Amino acid sequence: MANAAAKRIANRNEAAVKTLKLGMLLPTLISILCRVLFRRDSLPPSKGSLAIYIATFFPAFFLSNYLIKIGTTRRDPTTGTLISYGEDLNQAGVTEWCFDILYVTWACQIGSGAFGEWFWWLYMVIPVYAVFKLWVSVISPMVRGRSSSQASEMAIPEKETASKRQEKLRKRVERGDPRVKMQHGRN
């Protein structure tokens, strides 16, 4: 079963790496094509437009290369058997946020080519979300005087639940079943 899971992760990673490689090229080409077809007056792009594009391209390039590096599968060159499937690119957390930043960047590149430079304001979603996450997980719990783990514990009261086996053993003990031996203490 573990080998099947590794193959499944490897296939998903290979598809994601292919998307990442295309994603670094296609949005730029689509943006240029949209400028040629719909906004000829924006050719050549202004200095401000190029500055925004370059300022957002480098983080996207870094994140894309990082995700490609950690997600690339390694296979035996002669047999093609899977050696390593890399890190799972579908995991939640930082990897997911890297993909979100890339998708927003690509959308802004295409949108600015098709609709205008005002479309770059969509990029503000990234820092607004970062401030929100910082507030919820760090600042708010500090201001309220409790840690974020205490806040989650107070929000969701946990019940002590016994496993089915423990529950059966407890019922047998209550009935006085001779199959159950009580251990009173260990010396």
C-alpha atoms as a PDB file:
ATOM      1  CA  MET A   1       0.000   0.000   0.000  1.00  0.00           C
ATOM      2  CA  ALA A   2       2.835   2.397   0.810  1.00  0.00           C
ATOM      3  CA  ASN A   3       4.261   1.901  -2.664  1.00  0.00           C
ATOM      4  CA  ALA A   4       0.887   2.716  -4.230  1.00  0.00           C
ATOM      5  CA  ALA A   5       0.679   5.912  -2.174  1.00  0.00           C
ATOM      6  CA  ALA A   6       4.209   6.866  -3.240  1.00  0.00           C
ATOM      7  CA  LYS A   7       3.300   6.326  -6.896  1.00  0.00           C
ATOM      8  CA  ARG A   8       0.144   8.408  -6.474  1.00  0.00           C
ATOM      9  CA  ILE A   9       2.123  11.267  -4.893  1.00  0.00           C
ATOM     10  CA  ALA A  10       4.766  10.966  -7.621  1.00  0.00           C
ATOM     11  CA  ASN A  11       2.139  11.237 -10.365  1.00  0.00           C
ATOM     12  CA  ARG A  12       0.529  14.277  -8.737  1.00  0.00           C
ATOM     13  CA  ASN A  13       3.942  15.888  -8.243  1.00  0.00           C
ATOM     14  CA  GLU A  14       4.924  15.291 -11.864  1.00  0.00           C
ATOM     15  CA  ALA A  15       1.693  16.946 -13.039  1.00  0.00           C
ATOM     16  CA  ALA A  16       2.239  19.884 -10.660  1.00  0.00           C
ATOM     17  CA  VAL A  17       5.846  20.341 -11.811  1.00  0.00           C
ATOM     18  CA  LYS A  18       4.682  20.353 -15.431  1.00  0.00           C
ATOM     19  CA  THR A  19       2.077  23.005 -14.549  1.00  0.00           C
ATOM     20  CA  LEU A  20       4.705  25.084 -12.759  1.00  0.00           C
ATOM     21  CA  LYS A  21       7.058  24.985 -15.739  1.00  0.00           C
ATOM     22  CA  LEU A  22       4.279  26.014 -18.104  1.00  0.00           C
ATOM     23  CA  GLY A  23       3.073  28.608 -15.608  1.00  0.00           C
ATOM     24  CA  MET A  24       6.291  30.533 -15.762  1.00  0.00           C
ATOM     25  CA  LEU A  25       6.041  30.894 -19.532  1.00  0.00           C
ATOM     26  CA  LEU A  26       2.366  30.958 -20.499  1.00  0.00           C
ATOM     27  CA  PRO A  27       1.121  33.938 -18.435  1.00  0.00           C
ATOM     28  CA  THR A  28       3.844  36.150 -19.940  1.00  0.00           C
ATOM     29  CA  LEU A  29       2.977  35.051 -23.467  1.00  0.00           C
ATOM     30  CA  ILE A  30      -0.769  35.426 -22.871  1.00  0.00           C
ATOM     31  CA  SER A  31      -0.205  38.887 -21.382  1.00  0.00           C
ATOM     32  CA  ILE A  32       1.766  39.997 -24.439  1.00  0.00           C
ATOM     33  CA  LEU A  33      -0.850  38.477 -26.756  1.00  0.00           C
ATOM     34  CA  CYS A  34      -3.657  40.277 -24.906  1.00  0.00           C
ATOM     35  CA  ARG A  35      -1.760  43.552 -25.174  1.00  0.00           C
ATOM     36  CA  VAL A  36      -1.315  43.046 -28.928  1.00  0.00           C
ATOM     37  CA  LEU A  37      -4.936  42.049 -29.523  1.00  0.00           C
ATOM     38  CA  PHE A  38      -6.852  44.294 -27.100  1.00  0.00           C
ATOM     39  CA  ARG A  39      -4.574  47.069 -25.902  1.00  0.00           C
ATOM     40  CA  ARG A  40      -2.201  48.135 -28.663  1.00  0.00           C
ATOM     41  CA  ASP A  41      -1.877  51.541 -27.036  1.00  0.00           C
ATOM     42  CA  SER A  42      -0.076  49.868 -24.094  1.00  0.00           C
ATOM     43  CA  LEU A  43       2.789  48.712 -26.330  1.00  0.00           C
ATOM     44  CA  PRO A  44       5.576  49.174 -25.466  1.00  0.00           C
ATOM     45  CA  PRO A  45       4.778  48.826 -21.761  1.00  0.00           C
ATOM     46  CA  SER A  46       5.510  51.797 -19.527  1.00  0.00           C
ATOM     47  CA  LYS A  47       8.409  51.820 -17.071  1.00  0.00           C
ATOM     48  CA  GLY A  48       5.980  51.477 -14.180  1.00  0.00           C
ATOM     49  CA  SER A  49       4.335  48.479 -15.792  1.00  0.00           C
ATOM     50  CA  LEU A  50       7.686  46.807 -16.381  1.00  0.00           C
ATOM     51  CA  ALA A  51       8.773  47.568 -12.811  1.00  0.00           C
ATOM     52  CA  ILE A  52       5.640  45.934 -11.387  1.00  0.00           C
ATOM     53  CA  TYR A  53       6.067  42.942 -13.677  1.00  0.00           C
ATOM     54  CA  ILE A  54       9.721  42.465 -12.717  1.00  0.00           C
ATOM     55  CA  ALA A  55       9.036  43.014  -9.005  1.00  0.00           C
ATOM     56  CA  THR A  56       6.405  40.261  -9.040  1.00  0.00           C
ATOM     57  CA  PHE A  57       8.231  37.969 -11.462  1.00  0.00           C
ATOM     58  CA  PHE A  58      11.209  37.343  -9.188  1.00  0.00           C
ATOM     59  CA  PRO A  59       9.210  36.054  -6.185  1.00  0.00           C
ATOM     60  CA  ALA A  60       7.140  33.911  -8.552  1.00  0.00           C
ATOM     61  CA  PHE A  61      10.308  32.590 -10.194  1.00  0.00           C
ATOM     62  CA  PHE A  62      11.844  31.798  -6.794  1.00  0.00           C
ATOM     63  CA  LEU A  63       8.702  30.050  -5.515  1.00  0.00           C
ATOM     64  CA  SER A  64       8.254  28.121  -8.744  1.00  0.00           C
ATOM     65  CA  ASN A  65      11.849  26.880  -8.698  1.00  0.00           C
ATOM     66  CA  TYR A  66      11.537  25.978  -5.016  1.00  0.00           C
ATOM     67  CA  LEU A  67       8.391  23.939  -5.625  1.00  0.00           C
ATOM     68  CA  ILE A  68       9.925  22.276  -8.686  1.00  0.00           C
ATOM     69  CA  LYS A  69      13.032  21.392  -6.679  1.00  0.00           C
ATOM     70  CA  ILE A  70      11.181  19.826  -3.748  1.00  0.00           C
ATOM     71  CA  GLY A  71       8.516  18.142  -5.878  1.00  0.00           C
ATOM     72  CA  THR A  72      10.610  16.603  -8.635  1.00  0.00           C
ATOM     73  CA  THR A  73      10.510  12.820  -8.603  1.00  0.00           C
ATOM     74  CA  ARG A  74      13.642  10.774  -9.077  1.00  0.00           C
ATOM     75  CA  ARG A  75      13.509   7.616 -11.104  1.00  0.00           C
ATOM     76  CA  ASP A  76      16.112   5.008 -11.966  1.00  0.00           C
ATOM     77  CA  PRO A  77      17.429   5.965 -15.427  1.00  0.00           C
ATOM     78  CA  THR A  78      17.661   2.373 -16.664  1.00  0.00           C
ATOM     79  CA  THR A  79      14.506   0.776 -15.286  1.00  0.00           C
ATOM     80  CA  GLY A  80      12.347   3.812 -14.635  1.00  0.00           C
ATOM     81  CA  THR A  81      11.450   2.629 -11.133  1.00  0.00           C
ATOM     82  CA  LEU A  82      10.591   5.259  -8.578  1.00  0.00           C
ATOM     83  CA  ILE A  83      13.490   6.155  -6.272  1.00  0.00           C
ATOM     84  CA  SER A  84      12.012   9.200  -4.557  1.00  0.00           C
ATOM     85  CA  TYR A  85       8.700  10.952  -5.076  1.00  0.00           C
ATOM     86  CA  GLY A  86       9.897  14.232  -3.563  1.00  0.00           C
ATOM     87  CA  GLU A  87       7.846  16.256  -1.122  1.00  0.00           C
ATOM     88  CA  ASP A  88       4.085  16.065  -1.491  1.00  0.00           C
ATOM     89  CA  LEU A  89       3.088  19.247  -3.337  1.00  0.00           C
ATOM     90  CA  ASN A  90      -0.551  18.808  -2.282  1.00  0.00           C
ATOM     91  CA  GLN A  91       0.169  19.252   1.406  1.00  0.00           C
ATOM     92  CA  ALA A  92      -1.376  22.109   3.311  1.00  0.00           C
ATOM     93  CA  GLY A  93       0.559  24.968   4.807  1.00  0.00           C
ATOM     94  CA  VAL A  94       3.504  26.753   3.239  1.00  0.00           C
ATOM     95  CA  THR A  95       3.398  24.718   0.034  1.00  0.00           C
ATOM     96  CA  GLU A  96      -0.237  25.626  -0.461  1.00  0.00           C
ATOM     97  CA  TRP A  97       0.541  29.314   0.157  1.00  0.00           C
ATOM     98  CA  CYS A  98       3.362  29.182  -2.413  1.00  0.00           C
ATOM     99  CA  PHE A  99       0.893  27.930  -5.014  1.00  0.00           C
ATOM    100  CA  ASP A 100      -1.601  30.641  -4.030  1.00  0.00           C
ATOM    101  CA  ILE A 101       1.013  33.353  -4.544  1.00  0.00           C
ATOM    102  CA  LEU A 102       1.933  31.902  -7.930  1.00  0.00           C
ATOM    103  CA  TYR A 103      -1.696  31.736  -9.053  1.00  0.00           C
ATOM    104  CA  VAL A 104      -2.368  35.330  -7.991  1.00  0.00           C
ATOM    105  CA  THR A 105       0.792  36.482  -9.777  1.00  0.00           C
ATOM    106  CA  TRP A 106      -0.158  34.677 -12.974  1.00  0.00           C
ATOM    107  CA  ALA A 107      -3.695  36.064 -12.833  1.00  0.00           C
ATOM    108  CA  CYS A 108      -2.322  39.589 -12.373  1.00  0.00           C
ATOM    109  CA  GLN A 109       0.052  39.173 -15.310  1.00  0.00           C
ATOM    110  CA  ILE A 110      -2.712  38.030 -17.641  1.00  0.00           C
ATOM    111  CA  GLY A 111      -5.263  40.510 -16.258  1.00  0.00           C
ATOM    112  CA  SER A 112      -2.905  43.466 -16.648  1.00  0.00           C
ATOM    113  CA  GLY A 113      -2.327  42.503 -20.260  1.00  0.00           C
ATOM    114  CA  ALA A 114      -6.021  42.159 -20.991  1.00  0.00           C
ATOM    115  CA  PHE A 115      -7.622  44.871 -18.842  1.00  0.00           C
ATOM    116  CA  GLY A 116      -4.944  47.327 -17.785  1.00  0.00           C
ATOM    117  CA  GLU A 117      -2.448  48.115 -15.086  1.00  0.00           C
ATOM    118  CA  TRP A 118      -5.169  48.578 -12.447  1.00  0.00           C
ATOM    119  CA  PHE A 119      -5.485  44.774 -12.381  1.00  0.00           C
ATOM    120  CA  TRP A 120      -2.258  44.622 -10.347  1.00  0.00           C
ATOM    121  CA  TRP A 121      -4.300  45.780  -7.338  1.00  0.00           C
ATOM    122  CA  LEU A 122      -5.473  42.152  -7.069  1.00  0.00           C
ATOM    123  CA  TYR A 123      -1.929  41.403  -5.876  1.00  0.00           C
ATOM    124  CA  MET A 124      -2.837  43.149  -2.609  1.00  0.00           C
ATOM    125  CA  VAL A 125      -4.762  40.014  -1.636  1.00  0.00           C
ATOM    126  CA  ILE A 126      -1.441  38.405  -0.650  1.00  0.00           C
ATOM    127  CA  PRO A 127      -0.295  40.881   2.041  1.00  0.00           C
ATOM    128  CA  VAL A 128      -3.868  41.343   3.309  1.00  0.00           C
ATOM    129  CA  TYR A 129      -4.177  37.578   3.832  1.00  0.00           C
ATOM    130  CA  ALA A 130      -0.724  37.468   5.490  1.00  0.00           C
ATOM    131  CA  VAL A 131      -1.752  40.201   7.942  1.00  0.00           C
ATOM    132  CA  PHE A 132      -5.011  38.340   8.652  1.00  0.00           C
ATOM    133  CA  LYS A 133      -3.171  35.075   9.401  1.00  0.00           C
ATOM    134  CA  LEU A 134      -0.654  36.936  11.567  1.00  0.00           C
ATOM    135  CA  TRP A 135      -3.470  38.604  13.495  1.00  0.00           C
ATOM    136  CA  VAL A 136      -5.442  35.401  14.042  1.00  0.00           C
ATOM    137  CA  SER A 137      -2.532  33.174  15.009  1.00  0.00           C
ATOM    138  CA  VAL A 138      -0.096  35.526  16.774  1.00  0.00           C
ATOM    139  CA  ILE A 139      -1.241  39.052  17.597  1.00  0.00           C
ATOM    140  CA  SER A 140      -4.814  38.438  18.762  1.00  0.00           C
ATOM    141  CA  PRO A 141      -3.896  35.619  21.164  1.00  0.00           C
ATOM    142  CA  MET A 142      -1.095  37.777  22.622  1.00  0.00           C
ATOM    143  CA  VAL A 143      -3.427  40.732  23.108  1.00  0.00           C
ATOM    144  CA  ARG A 144      -6.049  38.545  24.758  1.00  0.00           C
ATOM    145  CA  GLY A 145      -3.427  36.994  27.008  1.00  0.00           C
ATOM    146  CA  ARG A 146      -3.525  33.403  25.880  1.00  0.00           C
ATOM    147  CA  SER A 147      -1.619  31.341  23.373  1.00  0.00           C
ATOM    148  CA  SER A 148      -3.165  30.213  20.130  1.00  0.00           C
ATOM    149  CA  SER A 149      -3.210  26.617  21.396  1.00  0.00           C
ATOM    150  CA  GLN A 150      -5.160  27.720  24.479  1.00  0.00           C
ATOM    151  CA  ALA A 151      -7.582  29.621  22.267  1.00  0.00           C
ATOM    152  CA  SER A 152      -8.277  26.528  20.206  1.00  0.00           C
ATOM    153  CA  GLU A 153      -8.673  24.421  23.355  1.00  0.00           C
ATOM    154  CA  MET A 154     -11.203  26.862  24.770  1.00  0.00           C
ATOM    155  CA  ALA A 155     -13.119  26.936  21.505  1.00  0.00           C
ATOM    156  CA  ILE A 156     -13.407  23.157  21.161  1.00  0.00           C
ATOM    157  CA  PRO A 157     -13.901  21.245  24.413  1.00  0.00           C
ATOM    158  CA  GLU A 158     -12.473  17.763  24.131  1.00  0.00           C
ATOM    159  CA  LYS A 159     -14.237  14.702  25.508  1.00  0.00           C
ATOM    160  CA  GLU A 160     -12.312  11.761  26.839  1.00  0.00           C
ATOM    161  CA  THR A 161     -13.312   8.847  24.702  1.00  0.00           C
ATOM    162  CA  ALA A 162     -12.292   5.293  25.255  1.00  0.00           C
ATOM    163  CA  SER A 163     -11.629   2.905  22.444  1.00  0.00           C
ATOM    164  CA  LYS A 164     -14.172   0.185  21.726  1.00  0.00           C
ATOM    165  CA  ARG A 165     -11.873  -2.413  23.254  1.00  0.00           C
ATOM    166  CA  GLN A 166     -11.466  -0.408  26.459  1.00  0.00           C
ATOM    167  CA  GLU A 167     -15.226   0.067  26.639  1.00  0.00           C
ATOM    168  CA  LYS A 168     -15.825  -3.702  26.274  1.00  0.00           C
ATOM    169  CA  LEU A 169     -13.255  -4.478  28.963  1.00  0.00           C
ATOM    170  CA  ARG A 170     -14.852  -1.965  31.332  1.00  0.00           C
ATOM    171  CA  LYS A 171     -18.285  -3.568  30.826  1.00  0.00           C
ATOM    172  CA  ARG A 172     -16.846  -7.044  31.454  1.00  0.00           C
ATOM    173  CA  VAL A 173     -15.234  -5.863  34.673  1.00  0.00           C
ATOM    174  CA  GLU A 174     -18.565  -4.369  35.818  1.00  0.00           C
ATOM    175  CA  ARG A 175     -20.324  -7.691  35.158  1.00  0.00           C
ATOM    176  CA  GLY A 176     -17.594  -9.631  36.966  1.00  0.00           C
ATOM    177  CA  ASP A 177     -16.532 -11.614  33.921  1.00  0.00           C
ATOM    178  CA  PRO A 178     -13.873 -14.190  34.974  1.00  0.00           C
ATOM    179  CA  ARG A 179     -11.936 -13.661  31.725  1.00  0.00           C
ATOM    180  CA  VAL A 180     -10.851 -10.221  32.884  1.00  0.00           C
ATOM    181  CA  LYS A 181      -8.042 -10.046  35.437  1.00  0.00           C
ATOM    182  CA  MET A 182      -7.622  -6.824  37.356  1.00  0.00           C
ATOM    183  CA  GLN A 183      -4.095  -5.574  37.881  1.00  0.00           C
ATOM    184  CA  HIS A 184      -3.920  -3.789  41.199  1.00  0.00           C
ATOM    185  CA  GLY A 185      -0.306  -2.745  41.180  1.00  0.00           C
ATOM    186  CA  ARG A 186       3.061  -3.735  39.920  1.00  0.00           C
ATOM    187  CA  ASN A 187       6.022  -4.430  42.169  1.00  0.00           C
END
